[in-house]
Amino acid sequence: MSFQDYLKNRQDAFTTMTDSLKKEVNNENRPGDDDRVWKPKMGKDNTGYAVIRFLPGSDVNKTPWVRVYSHGFQGPTGKWYIEKSLTTIGQQDPVSEYNSKLWNSGIESNKEVARKQKRRTSYYANVMVLKDPGDPSNEGKVMIYQFGQKIFDKIMASMQPEFADEEAVNPFDLIEGANFRIKIKIVSGYWNYDSSEFEKPSALSEDESKLESIFNAQHDVHEMIDPTTFKSYDELNAKLMVTIGTGVEENEAPRQVSVPTAETTDTKEEFGAVFDKPTNSVPNDEDDLENYFKSLAAD
């Protein structure tokens, strides 16, 4: 899609994105390292700050963001499982199935294991980095921003304001969007983004040729959810078996997973509700998942 096509269709794109927001909230349905992916940095004073502008994506028929589910945990073998979940693309995933068995056993120790292995959510979108004190060399670049549910909720609140006297803003719009100030602090030992906020709406630039250059520099974030970038169910299941100690790494076939059972089981609704809530075992703010997983694996 050309920049001129974007100018003609950007208002319609806002409606499409708003509909997609509703689906993101209502539906149940980590990429590897990528030098295109940008993350803000924490300063020595344990605060972080950056200013970015979310970009519209190069195709108004697609959302400017993608959502990726992942699992990251250490098994009793000491080995780590850090993989994208197939539920991202609407397929069955072995960890989700195993967690369901653990949860429905009705045994509290099994539930605690399932909580620690729960599915995490990350979002990816194109941004223009306007200010990055942690690495000024990023300023002026179009990069992919990885963020969590809290930032996504702020985007949703901007597009679907809570009160009637608030005007909806498309933060991804180049002309009538808004810069986003990322403010990070430490709360209960984890990065917290509560103070982050959008500025007043403004054009990213008054120079149309510069806007076109920014538009054309965007990356295709939808590549991150291309089915070909995911490991197969069998590959993920084999890794899970090795991680939890019911399989082996070489020629021997993995043993069958055995989960203790109890007389009472919890409903699927309760299982889903608990897994959508943060636990004391993981950061309360999931915007720093990649750093969280890497720090765990380094321990």
C-alpha atoms as a PDB file:
ATOM      1  CA  MET A   1       0.000   0.000   0.000  1.00  0.00           C
ATOM      2  CA  SER A   2       1.316   3.455  -0.917  1.00  0.00           C
ATOM      3  CA  PHE A   3       1.476   6.451   1.412  1.00  0.00           C
ATOM      4  CA  GLN A   4      -1.230   8.214  -0.624  1.00  0.00           C
ATOM      5  CA  ASP A   5      -3.525   5.212  -0.166  1.00  0.00           C
ATOM      6  CA  TYR A   6      -2.885   5.441   3.552  1.00  0.00           C
ATOM      7  CA  LEU A   7      -3.912   9.114   3.594  1.00  0.00           C
ATOM      8  CA  LYS A   8      -7.159   8.258   1.842  1.00  0.00           C
ATOM      9  CA  ASN A   9      -8.044   5.327   4.076  1.00  0.00           C
ATOM     10  CA  ARG A  10      -6.661   6.217   7.510  1.00  0.00           C
ATOM     11  CA  GLN A  11     -10.076   7.135   8.963  1.00  0.00           C
ATOM     12  CA  ASP A  12     -11.561   3.807   7.887  1.00  0.00           C
ATOM     13  CA  ALA A  13      -8.520   2.106   9.383  1.00  0.00           C
ATOM     14  CA  PHE A  14      -9.393   3.570  12.790  1.00  0.00           C
ATOM     15  CA  THR A  15     -12.781   1.859  12.679  1.00  0.00           C
ATOM     16  CA  THR A  16     -11.140  -1.429  11.716  1.00  0.00           C
ATOM     17  CA  MET A  17      -8.652  -1.134  14.572  1.00  0.00           C
ATOM     18  CA  THR A  18     -11.397  -0.359  17.074  1.00  0.00           C
ATOM     19  CA  ASP A  19     -13.200  -3.543  16.056  1.00  0.00           C
ATOM     20  CA  SER A  20      -9.941  -5.476  16.405  1.00  0.00           C
ATOM     21  CA  LEU A  21      -9.443  -4.035  19.882  1.00  0.00           C
ATOM     22  CA  LYS A  22     -12.724  -5.556  20.970  1.00  0.00           C
ATOM     23  CA  LYS A  23     -11.637  -8.925  19.592  1.00  0.00           C
ATOM     24  CA  GLU A  24      -8.283  -8.684  21.411  1.00  0.00           C
ATOM     25  CA  VAL A  25     -10.072  -8.101  24.705  1.00  0.00           C
ATOM     26  CA  ASN A  26     -12.706 -10.793  24.271  1.00  0.00           C
ATOM     27  CA  ASN A  27     -10.840 -13.601  22.501  1.00  0.00           C
ATOM     28  CA  GLU A  28      -8.705 -16.333  24.083  1.00  0.00           C
ATOM     29  CA  ASN A  29      -7.397 -16.839  20.822  1.00  0.00           C
ATOM     30  CA  ARG A  30       8.575 -14.488  22.071  1.00  0.00           C
ATOM     31  CA  PRO A  31       9.756 -14.152  18.976  1.00  0.00           C
ATOM     32  CA  GLY A  32      13.465 -14.746  19.142  1.00  0.00           C
ATOM     33  CA  ASP A  33      15.976 -11.971  19.399  1.00  0.00           C
ATOM     34  CA  ASP A  34      15.512  -9.376  16.653  1.00  0.00           C
ATOM     35  CA  ASP A  35      17.611  -6.250  16.273  1.00  0.00           C
ATOM     36  CA  ARG A  36      14.543  -4.453  14.913  1.00  0.00           C
ATOM     37  CA  VAL A  37      12.829  -4.840  18.270  1.00  0.00           C
ATOM     38  CA  TRP A  38      13.183  -1.881  20.631  1.00  0.00           C
ATOM     39  CA  LYS A  39      12.748  -1.848  24.392  1.00  0.00           C
ATOM     40  CA  PRO A  40      13.184   1.125  26.765  1.00  0.00           C
ATOM     41  CA  LYS A  41      16.006   0.884  29.290  1.00  0.00           C
ATOM     42  CA  MET A  42      16.050   1.443  33.025  1.00  0.00           C
ATOM     43  CA  GLY A  43      18.425   4.143  34.297  1.00  0.00           C
ATOM     44  CA  LYS A  44      20.803   3.895  37.238  1.00  0.00           C
ATOM     45  CA  ASP A  45      18.225   5.712  39.363  1.00  0.00           C
ATOM     46  CA  ASN A  46      15.761   2.857  38.797  1.00  0.00           C
ATOM     47  CA  THR A  47      13.527   4.912  36.550  1.00  0.00           C
ATOM     48  CA  GLY A  48      13.097   4.747  32.796  1.00  0.00           C
ATOM     49  CA  TYR A  49      11.825   7.272  30.273  1.00  0.00           C
ATOM     50  CA  ALA A  50      11.299   7.405  26.523  1.00  0.00           C
ATOM     51  CA  VAL A  51       8.985   9.058  24.015  1.00  0.00           C
ATOM     52  CA  ILE A  52       7.648   7.154  21.020  1.00  0.00           C
ATOM     53  CA  ARG A  53       4.993   7.479  18.358  1.00  0.00           C
ATOM     54  CA  PHE A  54       2.974   4.424  17.408  1.00  0.00           C
ATOM     55  CA  LEU A  55       2.778   3.999  13.612  1.00  0.00           C
ATOM     56  CA  PRO A  56      -0.143   2.789  11.466  1.00  0.00           C
ATOM     57  CA  GLY A  57       1.470  -0.189   9.770  1.00  0.00           C
ATOM     58  CA  SER A  58       1.865  -0.382   6.024  1.00  0.00           C
ATOM     59  CA  ASP A  59      -1.448  -2.163   5.375  1.00  0.00           C
ATOM     60  CA  VAL A  60      -4.668  -0.583   6.665  1.00  0.00           C
ATOM     61  CA  ASN A  61      -6.417  -3.933   6.192  1.00  0.00           C
ATOM     62  CA  LYS A  62      -4.353  -5.359   9.071  1.00  0.00           C
ATOM     63  CA  THR A  63      -4.014  -4.226  12.670  1.00  0.00           C
ATOM     64  CA  PRO A  64      -0.844  -2.178  13.320  1.00  0.00           C
ATOM     65  CA  TRP A  65      -0.015  -4.549  16.177  1.00  0.00           C
ATOM     66  CA  VAL A  66       0.239  -8.311  16.669  1.00  0.00           C
ATOM     67  CA  ARG A  67      -0.281 -10.314  19.852  1.00  0.00           C
ATOM     68  CA  VAL A  68       2.051 -13.186  20.734  1.00  0.00           C
ATOM     69  CA  TYR A  69       1.478 -15.717  23.516  1.00  0.00           C
ATOM     70  CA  SER A  70       4.458 -17.466  25.074  1.00  0.00           C
ATOM     71  CA  HIS A  71       5.533 -19.694  27.945  1.00  0.00           C
ATOM     72  CA  GLY A  72       8.712 -19.319  29.989  1.00  0.00           C
ATOM     73  CA  PHE A  73       9.543 -21.522  32.963  1.00  0.00           C
ATOM     74  CA  GLN A  74      12.165 -23.806  34.472  1.00  0.00           C
ATOM     75  CA  GLY A  75      11.259 -27.456  34.961  1.00  0.00           C
ATOM     76  CA  PRO A  76      12.279 -29.756  37.826  1.00  0.00           C
ATOM     77  CA  THR A  77      15.120 -30.981  35.598  1.00  0.00           C
ATOM     78  CA  GLY A  78      16.696 -27.507  35.727  1.00  0.00           C
ATOM     79  CA  LYS A  79      16.101 -27.090  32.001  1.00  0.00           C
ATOM     80  CA  TRP A  80      14.213 -24.128  30.584  1.00  0.00           C
ATOM     81  CA  TYR A  81      11.199 -23.934  28.334  1.00  0.00           C
ATOM     82  CA  ILE A  82      10.941 -20.535  26.579  1.00  0.00           C
ATOM     83  CA  GLU A  83       8.824 -20.760  23.440  1.00  0.00           C
ATOM     84  CA  LYS A  84       6.024 -19.073  21.546  1.00  0.00           C
ATOM     85  CA  SER A  85       2.675 -20.721  22.138  1.00  0.00           C
ATOM     86  CA  LEU A  86       0.742 -22.222  19.259  1.00  0.00           C
ATOM     87  CA  THR A  87      -2.401 -20.695  20.774  1.00  0.00           C
ATOM     88  CA  THR A  88      -1.121 -17.447  19.205  1.00  0.00           C
ATOM     89  CA  ILE A  89      -2.246 -18.811  15.842  1.00  0.00           C
ATOM     90  CA  GLY A  90      -5.304 -20.644  17.129  1.00  0.00           C
ATOM     91  CA  GLN A  91      -3.762 -24.099  17.434  1.00  0.00           C
ATOM     92  CA  GLN A  92      -3.485 -26.560  20.309  1.00  0.00           C
ATOM     93  CA  ASP A  93      -0.358 -26.107  22.436  1.00  0.00           C
ATOM     94  CA  PRO A  94       1.196 -28.844  24.618  1.00  0.00           C
ATOM     95  CA  VAL A  95       1.953 -26.557  27.569  1.00  0.00           C
ATOM     96  CA  SER A  96      -1.598 -25.236  27.692  1.00  0.00           C
ATOM     97  CA  GLU A  97      -2.899 -28.808  27.613  1.00  0.00           C
ATOM     98  CA  TYR A  98      -0.492 -29.913  30.349  1.00  0.00           C
ATOM     99  CA  ASN A  99      -1.409 -26.911  32.507  1.00  0.00           C
ATOM    100  CA  SER A 100      -5.085 -27.807  32.130  1.00  0.00           C
ATOM    101  CA  LYS A 101      -4.370 -31.335  33.403  1.00  0.00           C
ATOM    102  CA  LEU A 102      -2.446 -29.953  36.356  1.00  0.00           C
ATOM    103  CA  TRP A 103      -5.169 -27.460  37.219  1.00  0.00           C
ATOM    104  CA  ASN A 104      -8.047 -29.864  36.883  1.00  0.00           C
ATOM    105  CA  SER A 105      -6.366 -32.414  39.145  1.00  0.00           C
ATOM    106  CA  GLY A 106      -7.735 -30.344  42.027  1.00  0.00           C
ATOM    107  CA  ILE A 107      -4.390 -30.610  43.862  1.00  0.00           C
ATOM    108  CA  GLU A 108      -3.057 -27.276  45.080  1.00  0.00           C
ATOM    109  CA  SER A 109       0.610 -28.121  44.411  1.00  0.00           C
ATOM    110  CA  ASN A 110      -0.292 -28.927  40.800  1.00  0.00           C
ATOM    111  CA  LYS A 111      -2.188 -25.660  40.517  1.00  0.00           C
ATOM    112  CA  GLU A 112       0.856 -23.739  41.711  1.00  0.00           C
ATOM    113  CA  VAL A 113       3.013 -25.383  39.018  1.00  0.00           C
ATOM    114  CA  ALA A 114       0.389 -24.479  36.415  1.00  0.00           C
ATOM    115  CA  ARG A 115       0.352 -20.874  37.621  1.00  0.00           C
ATOM    116  CA  LYS A 116       4.133 -20.613  37.207  1.00  0.00           C
ATOM    117  CA  GLN A 117       3.869 -22.037  33.692  1.00  0.00           C
ATOM    118  CA  LYS A 118       0.971 -19.860  32.617  1.00  0.00           C
ATOM    119  CA  ARG A 119       0.725 -18.225  29.236  1.00  0.00           C
ATOM    120  CA  ARG A 120       2.104 -14.680  28.872  1.00  0.00           C
ATOM    121  CA  THR A 121       1.078 -11.980  26.430  1.00  0.00           C
ATOM    122  CA  SER A 122       3.286  -9.628  24.413  1.00  0.00           C
ATOM    123  CA  TYR A 123       2.327  -7.124  21.708  1.00  0.00           C
ATOM    124  CA  TYR A 124       4.466  -5.797  18.844  1.00  0.00           C
ATOM    125  CA  ALA A 125       3.934  -2.621  16.818  1.00  0.00           C
ATOM    126  CA  ASN A 126       5.924  -0.185  14.699  1.00  0.00           C
ATOM    127  CA  VAL A 127       7.034   2.978  16.472  1.00  0.00           C
ATOM    128  CA  MET A 128       9.110   6.037  15.754  1.00  0.00           C
ATOM    129  CA  VAL A 129      11.550   6.455  18.657  1.00  0.00           C
ATOM    130  CA  LEU A 130      11.505  10.172  19.436  1.00  0.00           C
ATOM    131  CA  LYS A 131      13.495  10.204  22.683  1.00  0.00           C
ATOM    132  CA  ASP A 132      15.558   7.392  24.189  1.00  0.00           C
ATOM    133  CA  PRO A 133      17.904   8.575  26.984  1.00  0.00           C
ATOM    134  CA  GLY A 134      19.053   4.982  27.521  1.00  0.00           C
ATOM    135  CA  ASP A 135      20.345   4.751  23.932  1.00  0.00           C
ATOM    136  CA  PRO A 136      20.140   8.036  21.986  1.00  0.00           C
ATOM    137  CA  SER A 137      21.333   6.261  18.826  1.00  0.00           C
ATOM    138  CA  ASN A 138      17.780   4.885  18.476  1.00  0.00           C
ATOM    139  CA  GLU A 139      16.220   8.338  18.231  1.00  0.00           C
ATOM    140  CA  GLY A 140      14.676   9.019  14.844  1.00  0.00           C
ATOM    141  CA  LYS A 141      14.513   5.339  13.940  1.00  0.00           C
ATOM    142  CA  VAL A 142      11.461   3.283  13.011  1.00  0.00           C
ATOM    143  CA  MET A 143      11.582   0.157  15.154  1.00  0.00           C
ATOM    144  CA  ILE A 144       9.317  -2.567  16.513  1.00  0.00           C
ATOM    145  CA  TYR A 145       8.220  -1.958  20.088  1.00  0.00           C
ATOM    146  CA  GLN A 146       7.552  -4.973  22.287  1.00  0.00           C
ATOM    147  CA  PHE A 147       5.078  -4.193  25.056  1.00  0.00           C
ATOM    148  CA  GLY A 148       2.718  -5.896  27.444  1.00  0.00           C
ATOM    149  CA  GLN A 149      -0.883  -5.774  28.513  1.00  0.00           C
ATOM    150  CA  LYS A 150      -0.615  -2.579  30.543  1.00  0.00           C
ATOM    151  CA  ILE A 151       0.563  -0.511  27.574  1.00  0.00           C
ATOM    152  CA  PHE A 152      -2.033  -2.178  25.370  1.00  0.00           C
ATOM    153  CA  ASP A 153      -4.724  -1.202  27.861  1.00  0.00           C
ATOM    154  CA  LYS A 154      -3.599   2.427  27.599  1.00  0.00           C
ATOM    155  CA  ILE A 155      -3.876   2.214  23.807  1.00  0.00           C
ATOM    156  CA  MET A 156      -7.352   0.762  24.165  1.00  0.00           C
ATOM    157  CA  ALA A 157      -8.365   3.536  26.583  1.00  0.00           C
ATOM    158  CA  SER A 158      -7.171   6.127  24.062  1.00  0.00           C
ATOM    159  CA  MET A 159      -9.214   4.587  21.252  1.00  0.00           C
ATOM    160  CA  GLN A 160     -12.239   3.784  23.405  1.00  0.00           C
ATOM    161  CA  PRO A 161     -12.427   6.430  26.169  1.00  0.00           C
ATOM    162  CA  GLU A 162     -14.400   5.596  29.275  1.00  0.00           C
ATOM    163  CA  PHE A 163     -16.341   8.861  29.579  1.00  0.00           C
ATOM    164  CA  ALA A 164     -18.626  10.668  27.144  1.00  0.00           C
ATOM    165  CA  ASP A 165     -16.712  13.969  27.381  1.00  0.00           C
ATOM    166  CA  GLU A 166     -13.478  12.318  26.197  1.00  0.00           C
ATOM    167  CA  GLU A 167     -12.671  12.190  22.499  1.00  0.00           C
ATOM    168  CA  ALA A 168     -11.442   8.980  20.927  1.00  0.00           C
ATOM    169  CA  VAL A 169      -7.924   9.241  19.527  1.00  0.00           C
ATOM    170  CA  ASN A 170      -6.230   6.885  17.097  1.00  0.00           C
ATOM    171  CA  PRO A 171      -2.710   6.808  18.582  1.00  0.00           C
ATOM    172  CA  PHE A 172      -1.418   5.071  15.446  1.00  0.00           C
ATOM    173  CA  ASP A 173      -2.377   7.961  13.141  1.00  0.00           C
ATOM    174  CA  LEU A 174       0.509   9.964  11.654  1.00  0.00           C
ATOM    175  CA  ILE A 175      -1.438  13.207  11.516  1.00  0.00           C
ATOM    176  CA  GLU A 176      -3.999  13.144  14.319  1.00  0.00           C
ATOM    177  CA  GLY A 177      -2.348  10.632  16.634  1.00  0.00           C
ATOM    178  CA  ALA A 178      -0.395  11.305  19.825  1.00  0.00           C
ATOM    179  CA  ASN A 179       3.124  10.784  21.115  1.00  0.00           C
ATOM    180  CA  PHE A 180       3.426   8.319  23.985  1.00  0.00           C
ATOM    181  CA  ARG A 181       5.582   8.980  27.041  1.00  0.00           C
ATOM    182  CA  ILE A 182       6.928   5.776  28.565  1.00  0.00           C
ATOM    183  CA  LYS A 183       7.599   6.172  32.283  1.00  0.00           C
ATOM    184  CA  ILE A 184       8.998   3.208  34.181  1.00  0.00           C
ATOM    185  CA  LYS A 185       9.503   2.766  37.914  1.00  0.00           C
ATOM    186  CA  ILE A 186      10.144  -0.151  40.245  1.00  0.00           C
ATOM    187  CA  VAL A 187       7.132  -1.463  42.148  1.00  0.00           C
ATOM    188  CA  SER A 188       7.484  -4.561  44.352  1.00  0.00           C
ATOM    189  CA  GLY A 189      10.749  -5.361  42.590  1.00  0.00           C
ATOM    190  CA  TYR A 190       9.377  -5.218  39.024  1.00  0.00           C
ATOM    191  CA  TRP A 191       9.153  -2.680  36.219  1.00  0.00           C
ATOM    192  CA  ASN A 192       5.876  -0.761  36.356  1.00  0.00           C
ATOM    193  CA  TYR A 193       4.357   1.354  33.553  1.00  0.00           C
ATOM    194  CA  ASP A 194       1.367   2.901  35.343  1.00  0.00           C
ATOM    195  CA  SER A 195       2.629   6.480  34.876  1.00  0.00           C
ATOM    196  CA  SER A 196       3.032   6.168  31.093  1.00  0.00           C
ATOM    197  CA  GLU A 197       0.688   8.425  29.129  1.00  0.00           C
ATOM    198  CA  PHE A 198      -0.263   9.852  25.748  1.00  0.00           C
ATOM    199  CA  GLU A 199       0.370  13.499  24.931  1.00  0.00           C
ATOM    200  CA  LYS A 200      -2.197  15.702  23.232  1.00  0.00           C
ATOM    201  CA  PRO A 201      -2.905  14.760  19.595  1.00  0.00           C
ATOM    202  CA  SER A 202      -0.546  16.299  17.049  1.00  0.00           C
ATOM    203  CA  ALA A 203       0.950  15.598  13.651  1.00  0.00           C
ATOM    204  CA  LEU A 204       4.147  13.604  13.763  1.00  0.00           C
ATOM    205  CA  SER A 205       5.525  16.050  11.198  1.00  0.00           C
ATOM    206  CA  GLU A 206       4.231  18.906   9.059  1.00  0.00           C
ATOM    207  CA  ASP A 207       6.423  17.685   6.190  1.00  0.00           C
ATOM    208  CA  GLU A 208       4.458  15.206   4.069  1.00  0.00           C
ATOM    209  CA  SER A 209       7.613  13.858   2.430  1.00  0.00           C
ATOM    210  CA  LYS A 210       9.031  13.073   5.881  1.00  0.00           C
ATOM    211  CA  LEU A 211       5.792  11.339   6.863  1.00  0.00           C
ATOM    212  CA  GLU A 212       5.985   9.278   3.701  1.00  0.00           C
ATOM    213  CA  SER A 213       9.578   8.303   4.501  1.00  0.00           C
ATOM    214  CA  ILE A 214       8.537   7.185   8.000  1.00  0.00           C
ATOM    215  CA  PHE A 215       5.573   5.279   6.604  1.00  0.00           C
ATOM    216  CA  ASN A 216       7.747   3.415   4.100  1.00  0.00           C
ATOM    217  CA  ALA A 217      10.333   2.505   6.769  1.00  0.00           C
ATOM    218  CA  GLN A 218       7.865   0.377   8.743  1.00  0.00           C
ATOM    219  CA  HIS A 219       8.404  -3.317   9.369  1.00  0.00           C
ATOM    220  CA  ASP A 220       5.884  -6.082   8.821  1.00  0.00           C
ATOM    221  CA  VAL A 221       5.049  -7.100  12.386  1.00  0.00           C
ATOM    222  CA  HIS A 222       2.627  -9.708  11.076  1.00  0.00           C
ATOM    223  CA  GLU A 223       5.655 -11.794  10.122  1.00  0.00           C
ATOM    224  CA  MET A 224       5.932 -12.550  13.849  1.00  0.00           C
ATOM    225  CA  ILE A 225       2.715 -14.540  13.774  1.00  0.00           C
ATOM    226  CA  ASP A 226       3.392 -16.320  10.501  1.00  0.00           C
ATOM    227  CA  PRO A 227       2.686 -20.020  11.212  1.00  0.00           C
ATOM    228  CA  THR A 228       6.047 -20.944   9.640  1.00  0.00           C
ATOM    229  CA  THR A 229       7.856 -19.134  12.488  1.00  0.00           C
ATOM    230  CA  PHE A 230       6.363 -21.468  15.118  1.00  0.00           C
ATOM    231  CA  LYS A 231       7.710 -24.848  16.130  1.00  0.00           C
ATOM    232  CA  SER A 232       5.384 -27.776  15.507  1.00  0.00           C
ATOM    233  CA  TYR A 233       3.248 -29.313  18.241  1.00  0.00           C
ATOM    234  CA  ASP A 234       5.479 -32.404  18.285  1.00  0.00           C
ATOM    235  CA  GLU A 235       8.659 -30.302  18.608  1.00  0.00           C
ATOM    236  CA  LEU A 236       7.196 -28.272  21.475  1.00  0.00           C
ATOM    237  CA  ASN A 237       5.848 -31.378  23.193  1.00  0.00           C
ATOM    238  CA  ALA A 238       9.255 -33.086  23.002  1.00  0.00           C
ATOM    239  CA  LYS A 239      10.890 -30.026  24.566  1.00  0.00           C
ATOM    240  CA  LEU A 240       8.235 -29.925  27.278  1.00  0.00           C
ATOM    241  CA  MET A 241       8.833 -33.590  28.115  1.00  0.00           C
ATOM    242  CA  VAL A 242      12.571 -32.978  28.513  1.00  0.00           C
ATOM    243  CA  THR A 243      11.937 -29.830  30.585  1.00  0.00           C
ATOM    244  CA  ILE A 244       9.565 -31.470  33.066  1.00  0.00           C
ATOM    245  CA  GLY A 245      11.497 -34.746  33.215  1.00  0.00           C
ATOM    246  CA  THR A 246       9.189 -37.137  31.421  1.00  0.00           C
ATOM    247  CA  GLY A 247      11.265 -37.440  28.287  1.00  0.00           C
ATOM    248  CA  VAL A 248      14.868 -37.817  27.162  1.00  0.00           C
ATOM    249  CA  GLU A 249      16.983 -35.821  24.782  1.00  0.00           C
ATOM    250  CA  GLU A 250      18.199 -38.586  22.491  1.00  0.00           C
ATOM    251  CA  ASN A 251      16.888 -41.904  21.181  1.00  0.00           C
ATOM    252  CA  GLU A 252      14.621 -43.115  23.991  1.00  0.00           C
ATOM    253  CA  ALA A 253      10.932 -42.347  23.539  1.00  0.00           C
ATOM    254  CA  PRO A 254       9.453 -39.950  26.136  1.00  0.00           C
ATOM    255  CA  ARG A 255       7.328 -41.456  28.904  1.00  0.00           C
ATOM    256  CA  GLN A 256       3.642 -40.644  29.237  1.00  0.00           C
ATOM    257  CA  VAL A 257       2.789 -37.587  31.322  1.00  0.00           C
ATOM    258  CA  SER A 258       1.125 -38.584  34.586  1.00  0.00           C
ATOM    259  CA  VAL A 259      -0.824 -36.036  36.595  1.00  0.00           C
ATOM    260  CA  PRO A 260      -2.280 -36.887  40.038  1.00  0.00           C
ATOM    261  CA  THR A 261      -6.032 -36.590  40.226  1.00  0.00           C
ATOM    262  CA  ALA A 262      -8.442 -35.639  42.992  1.00  0.00           C
ATOM    263  CA  GLU A 263     -12.138 -36.186  43.599  1.00  0.00           C
ATOM    264  CA  THR A 264     -12.997 -32.552  42.885  1.00  0.00           C
ATOM    265  CA  THR A 265     -12.019 -30.549  39.814  1.00  0.00           C
ATOM    266  CA  ASP A 266     -12.290 -26.873  39.000  1.00  0.00           C
ATOM    267  CA  THR A 267     -14.339 -25.553  36.145  1.00  0.00           C
ATOM    268  CA  LYS A 268     -12.807 -24.342  32.910  1.00  0.00           C
ATOM    269  CA  GLU A 269     -14.097 -20.870  33.719  1.00  0.00           C
ATOM    270  CA  GLU A 270     -12.228 -20.774  37.032  1.00  0.00           C
ATOM    271  CA  PHE A 271      -9.101 -22.119  35.339  1.00  0.00           C
ATOM    272  CA  GLY A 272      -9.250 -19.353  32.732  1.00  0.00           C
ATOM    273  CA  ALA A 273      -9.937 -16.664  35.323  1.00  0.00           C
ATOM    274  CA  VAL A 274      -6.945 -17.605  37.451  1.00  0.00           C
ATOM    275  CA  PHE A 275      -4.649 -17.791  34.469  1.00  0.00           C
ATOM    276  CA  ASP A 276      -5.606 -14.262  33.424  1.00  0.00           C
ATOM    277  CA  LYS A 277      -4.476 -12.898  36.801  1.00  0.00           C
ATOM    278  CA  PRO A 278      -0.869 -12.129  37.830  1.00  0.00           C
ATOM    279  CA  THR A 279       0.679 -14.264  40.560  1.00  0.00           C
ATOM    280  CA  ASN A 280       3.435 -13.672  43.070  1.00  0.00           C
ATOM    281  CA  SER A 281       5.668 -15.984  41.029  1.00  0.00           C
ATOM    282  CA  VAL A 282       5.971 -13.586  38.099  1.00  0.00           C
ATOM    283  CA  PRO A 283       6.127  -9.822  37.530  1.00  0.00           C
ATOM    284  CA  ASN A 284       2.803  -8.107  38.214  1.00  0.00           C
ATOM    285  CA  ASP A 285       3.465  -5.935  35.175  1.00  0.00           C
ATOM    286  CA  GLU A 286       4.015  -8.157  32.146  1.00  0.00           C
ATOM    287  CA  ASP A 287       5.524  -5.415  29.951  1.00  0.00           C
ATOM    288  CA  ASP A 288       9.029  -6.688  30.732  1.00  0.00           C
ATOM    289  CA  LEU A 289       8.505 -10.348  29.853  1.00  0.00           C
ATOM    290  CA  GLU A 290      11.524 -10.764  27.609  1.00  0.00           C
ATOM    291  CA  ASN A 291      13.882  -9.410  30.268  1.00  0.00           C
ATOM    292  CA  TYR A 292      12.079 -11.540  32.859  1.00  0.00           C
ATOM    293  CA  PHE A 293      12.530 -14.755  30.876  1.00  0.00           C
ATOM    294  CA  LYS A 294      16.174 -13.995  30.092  1.00  0.00           C
ATOM    295  CA  SER A 295      16.995 -13.183  33.717  1.00  0.00           C
ATOM    296  CA  LEU A 296      15.420 -16.447  34.843  1.00  0.00           C
ATOM    297  CA  ALA A 297      17.336 -18.486  32.309  1.00  0.00           C
ATOM    298  CA  ALA A 298      20.586 -16.823  33.402  1.00  0.00           C
ATOM    299  CA  ASP A 299      20.126 -17.770  37.080  1.00  0.00           C
END
